[in-house]
Amino acid sequence: MSAVMEYMQRYHYSWTIVTYNVVIDAFGRAGDLKQMELMRSERIKPSCVTLCSLVRAYREAGKPEKIRSVLRFIENSDIN
């Protein structure tokens, strides 16, 4: 997946919420929580799709504390 990110940087593609969600979901499905969390730290505002991808990945990894963190984030934000 880092190849996709390198390609985007090399050819000056900018992130959209769609590409951001696809990459986060791919890292999550691959079980690469470290890369998924690095992507989450990018300056793109997460959508409900982003947050669902995070919850799914954390559930698969058996990380209930991370799920609670996402739920708290949702409760305290204006996510659509």
N, C-alpha and C. Protein backbone atom coordinates (compact mmCIF):
# COMPACT_ATOMS: atom_id res chain seq x y z
N MET A 1 0.82 -1.19 0.00
CA MET A 1 0.00 0.00 0.00
C MET A 1 0.85 1.25 0.00
N SER A 2 2.03 1.16 0.58
CA SER A 2 2.89 2.34 0.57
C SER A 2 3.27 2.71 -0.86
N ALA A 3 3.24 1.74 -1.77
CA ALA A 3 3.52 2.04 -3.18
C ALA A 3 2.47 3.01 -3.73
N VAL A 4 1.23 2.83 -3.33
CA VAL A 4 0.17 3.74 -3.77
C VAL A 4 0.44 5.15 -3.25
N MET A 5 0.82 5.23 -1.99
CA MET A 5 1.10 6.53 -1.38
C MET A 5 2.29 7.20 -2.07
N GLU A 6 3.33 6.42 -2.36
CA GLU A 6 4.50 6.98 -3.05
C GLU A 6 4.12 7.46 -4.45
N TYR A 7 3.30 6.68 -5.15
CA TYR A 7 2.85 7.06 -6.49
C TYR A 7 2.10 8.38 -6.44
N MET A 8 1.20 8.51 -5.46
CA MET A 8 0.42 9.74 -5.34
C MET A 8 1.33 10.94 -5.08
N GLN A 9 2.34 10.75 -4.25
CA GLN A 9 3.27 11.85 -3.97
C GLN A 9 4.11 12.19 -5.19
N ARG A 10 4.61 11.16 -5.87
CA ARG A 10 5.48 11.38 -7.02
C ARG A 10 4.77 12.16 -8.12
N TYR A 11 3.51 11.84 -8.35
CA TYR A 11 2.77 12.48 -9.44
C TYR A 11 1.84 13.59 -8.96
N HIS A 12 2.07 14.02 -7.74
CA HIS A 12 1.38 15.19 -7.17
C HIS A 12 -0.14 15.06 -7.14
N TYR A 13 -0.60 13.85 -6.84
CA TYR A 13 -2.03 13.66 -6.61
C TYR A 13 -2.34 14.12 -5.20
N SER A 14 -3.44 14.79 -5.03
CA SER A 14 -3.81 15.21 -3.68
C SER A 14 -4.84 14.24 -3.12
N TRP A 15 -4.84 14.16 -1.81
CA TRP A 15 -5.78 13.28 -1.13
C TRP A 15 -7.18 13.87 -1.18
N THR A 16 -8.14 13.00 -1.41
CA THR A 16 -9.55 13.35 -1.25
C THR A 16 -10.08 12.46 -0.15
N ILE A 17 -11.26 12.71 0.31
CA ILE A 17 -11.83 11.86 1.35
C ILE A 17 -12.01 10.43 0.82
N VAL A 18 -12.25 10.28 -0.47
CA VAL A 18 -12.43 8.94 -1.05
C VAL A 18 -11.11 8.17 -1.04
N THR A 19 -10.03 8.78 -1.54
CA THR A 19 -8.75 8.07 -1.54
C THR A 19 -8.29 7.80 -0.12
N TYR A 20 -8.50 8.74 0.76
CA TYR A 20 -8.15 8.59 2.17
C TYR A 20 -8.89 7.39 2.77
N ASN A 21 -10.19 7.29 2.53
CA ASN A 21 -10.97 6.18 3.06
C ASN A 21 -10.54 4.85 2.49
N VAL A 22 -10.25 4.81 1.20
CA VAL A 22 -9.82 3.56 0.56
C VAL A 22 -8.51 3.07 1.18
N VAL A 23 -7.56 3.97 1.35
CA VAL A 23 -6.26 3.58 1.90
C VAL A 23 -6.40 3.15 3.36
N ILE A 24 -7.15 3.88 4.15
CA ILE A 24 -7.35 3.49 5.56
C ILE A 24 -8.04 2.13 5.64
N ASP A 25 -9.05 1.92 4.82
CA ASP A 25 -9.75 0.64 4.84
C ASP A 25 -8.82 -0.50 4.41
N ALA A 26 -8.00 -0.27 3.41
CA ALA A 26 -7.07 -1.31 2.95
C ALA A 26 -6.07 -1.67 4.04
N PHE A 27 -5.49 -0.68 4.70
CA PHE A 27 -4.58 -0.97 5.80
C PHE A 27 -5.30 -1.73 6.92
N GLY A 28 -6.50 -1.31 7.23
CA GLY A 28 -7.26 -1.99 8.29
C GLY A 28 -7.57 -3.43 7.94
N ARG A 29 -8.00 -3.68 6.71
CA ARG A 29 -8.32 -5.05 6.29
C ARG A 29 -7.07 -5.93 6.24
N ALA A 30 -5.92 -5.32 5.98
CA ALA A 30 -4.66 -6.06 5.96
C ALA A 30 -4.12 -6.28 7.37
N GLY A 31 -4.76 -5.67 8.35
CA GLY A 31 -4.30 -5.81 9.73
C GLY A 31 -3.11 -4.93 10.07
N ASP A 32 -2.82 -3.97 9.20
CA ASP A 32 -1.69 -3.07 9.42
C ASP A 32 -2.18 -1.83 10.17
N LEU A 33 -2.42 -2.01 11.46
CA LEU A 33 -2.98 -0.92 12.27
C LEU A 33 -2.02 0.25 12.39
N LYS A 34 -0.73 -0.03 12.38
CA LYS A 34 0.25 1.06 12.49
C LYS A 34 0.11 2.02 11.30
N GLN A 35 0.08 1.49 10.09
CA GLN A 35 -0.06 2.34 8.90
C GLN A 35 -1.44 2.99 8.87
N MET A 36 -2.45 2.24 9.30
CA MET A 36 -3.80 2.80 9.32
C MET A 36 -3.85 4.01 10.25
N GLU A 37 -3.23 3.89 11.41
CA GLU A 37 -3.23 5.00 12.37
C GLU A 37 -2.37 6.16 11.88
N LEU A 38 -1.30 5.88 11.16
CA LEU A 38 -0.51 6.96 10.56
C LEU A 38 -1.35 7.74 9.55
N MET A 39 -2.13 7.01 8.76
CA MET A 39 -3.01 7.68 7.79
C MET A 39 -4.06 8.51 8.52
N ARG A 40 -4.56 7.99 9.62
CA ARG A 40 -5.58 8.71 10.37
C ARG A 40 -5.04 10.04 10.88
N SER A 41 -3.74 10.10 11.11
CA SER A 41 -3.15 11.34 11.62
C SER A 41 -2.96 12.40 10.53
N GLU A 42 -3.24 12.05 9.28
CA GLU A 42 -3.17 13.04 8.20
C GLU A 42 -4.20 14.14 8.48
N ARG A 43 -4.08 15.22 7.80
CA ARG A 43 -4.93 16.39 8.09
C ARG A 43 -6.26 16.39 7.33
N ILE A 44 -6.77 15.22 7.02
CA ILE A 44 -8.05 15.13 6.35
C ILE A 44 -9.11 14.79 7.39
N LYS A 45 -10.21 15.52 7.38
CA LYS A 45 -11.28 15.27 8.34
C LYS A 45 -11.93 13.92 8.02
N PRO A 46 -12.00 13.02 9.00
CA PRO A 46 -12.60 11.71 8.73
C PRO A 46 -14.11 11.82 8.51
N SER A 47 -14.61 10.90 7.71
CA SER A 47 -16.05 10.81 7.47
C SER A 47 -16.58 9.61 8.24
N CYS A 48 -17.88 9.38 8.15
CA CYS A 48 -18.44 8.20 8.82
C CYS A 48 -17.87 6.92 8.20
N VAL A 49 -17.54 6.94 6.92
CA VAL A 49 -16.92 5.78 6.26
C VAL A 49 -15.55 5.51 6.88
N THR A 50 -14.77 6.56 7.09
CA THR A 50 -13.46 6.43 7.71
C THR A 50 -13.59 5.77 9.08
N LEU A 51 -14.51 6.28 9.87
CA LEU A 51 -14.66 5.80 11.24
C LEU A 51 -15.18 4.37 11.28
N CYS A 52 -16.04 4.00 10.36
CA CYS A 52 -16.50 2.61 10.28
C CYS A 52 -15.34 1.68 9.94
N SER A 53 -14.46 2.12 9.05
CA SER A 53 -13.28 1.32 8.71
C SER A 53 -12.39 1.12 9.93
N LEU A 54 -12.21 2.18 10.71
CA LEU A 54 -11.40 2.08 11.93
C LEU A 54 -12.02 1.10 12.92
N VAL A 55 -13.32 1.22 13.15
CA VAL A 55 -13.99 0.33 14.10
C VAL A 55 -13.87 -1.12 13.64
N ARG A 56 -14.08 -1.38 12.35
CA ARG A 56 -13.98 -2.75 11.83
C ARG A 56 -12.58 -3.31 12.05
N ALA A 57 -11.56 -2.52 11.74
CA ALA A 57 -10.18 -2.98 11.91
C ALA A 57 -9.85 -3.24 13.37
N TYR A 58 -10.28 -2.35 14.24
CA TYR A 58 -10.03 -2.55 15.68
C TYR A 58 -10.79 -3.75 16.22
N ARG A 59 -11.99 -3.99 15.71
CA ARG A 59 -12.75 -5.17 16.14
C ARG A 59 -12.01 -6.44 15.74
N GLU A 60 -11.55 -6.48 14.49
CA GLU A 60 -10.82 -7.66 14.00
C GLU A 60 -9.53 -7.89 14.78
N ALA A 61 -8.91 -6.80 15.23
CA ALA A 61 -7.65 -6.90 15.97
C ALA A 61 -7.87 -7.12 17.47
N GLY A 62 -9.14 -7.13 17.90
CA GLY A 62 -9.42 -7.33 19.32
C GLY A 62 -8.97 -6.17 20.18
N LYS A 63 -9.25 -4.95 19.72
CA LYS A 63 -8.82 -3.73 20.42
C LYS A 63 -10.04 -2.92 20.89
N PRO A 64 -10.76 -3.40 21.91
CA PRO A 64 -11.97 -2.68 22.34
C PRO A 64 -11.70 -1.26 22.84
N GLU A 65 -10.52 -1.03 23.42
CA GLU A 65 -10.21 0.33 23.90
C GLU A 65 -10.10 1.31 22.74
N LYS A 66 -9.60 0.84 21.60
CA LYS A 66 -9.50 1.69 20.41
C LYS A 66 -10.90 1.98 19.85
N ILE A 67 -11.77 0.98 19.90
CA ILE A 67 -13.15 1.18 19.45
C ILE A 67 -13.82 2.24 20.31
N ARG A 68 -13.65 2.14 21.61
CA ARG A 68 -14.23 3.15 22.51
C ARG A 68 -13.69 4.54 22.20
N SER A 69 -12.41 4.61 21.85
CA SER A 69 -11.81 5.90 21.50
C SER A 69 -12.48 6.50 20.26
N VAL A 70 -12.72 5.67 19.25
CA VAL A 70 -13.40 6.14 18.04
C VAL A 70 -14.82 6.59 18.39
N LEU A 71 -15.51 5.82 19.21
CA LEU A 71 -16.88 6.19 19.59
C LEU A 71 -16.91 7.52 20.35
N ARG A 72 -15.94 7.74 21.23
CA ARG A 72 -15.86 9.03 21.93
C ARG A 72 -15.62 10.16 20.93
N PHE A 73 -14.75 9.90 19.95
CA PHE A 73 -14.49 10.90 18.92
C PHE A 73 -15.78 11.26 18.19
N ILE A 74 -16.56 10.24 17.84
CA ILE A 74 -17.82 10.47 17.13
C ILE A 74 -18.77 11.30 17.99
N GLU A 75 -18.87 10.96 19.26
CA GLU A 75 -19.78 11.68 20.16
C GLU A 75 -19.40 13.15 20.30
N ASN A 76 -18.12 13.46 20.18
CA ASN A 76 -17.64 14.83 20.40
C ASN A 76 -17.36 15.58 19.11
N SER A 77 -17.83 15.07 17.99
CA SER A 77 -17.54 15.74 16.71
C SER A 77 -18.82 15.96 15.92
N ASP A 78 -18.65 16.59 14.79
CA ASP A 78 -19.79 16.86 13.91
C ASP A 78 -19.70 16.03 12.63
N ILE A 79 -19.38 14.76 12.79
CA ILE A 79 -19.24 13.86 11.65
C ILE A 79 -20.59 13.62 11.00
N ASN A 80 -20.59 13.66 9.67
CA ASN A 80 -21.82 13.40 8.91
C ASN A 80 -21.79 12.01 8.34
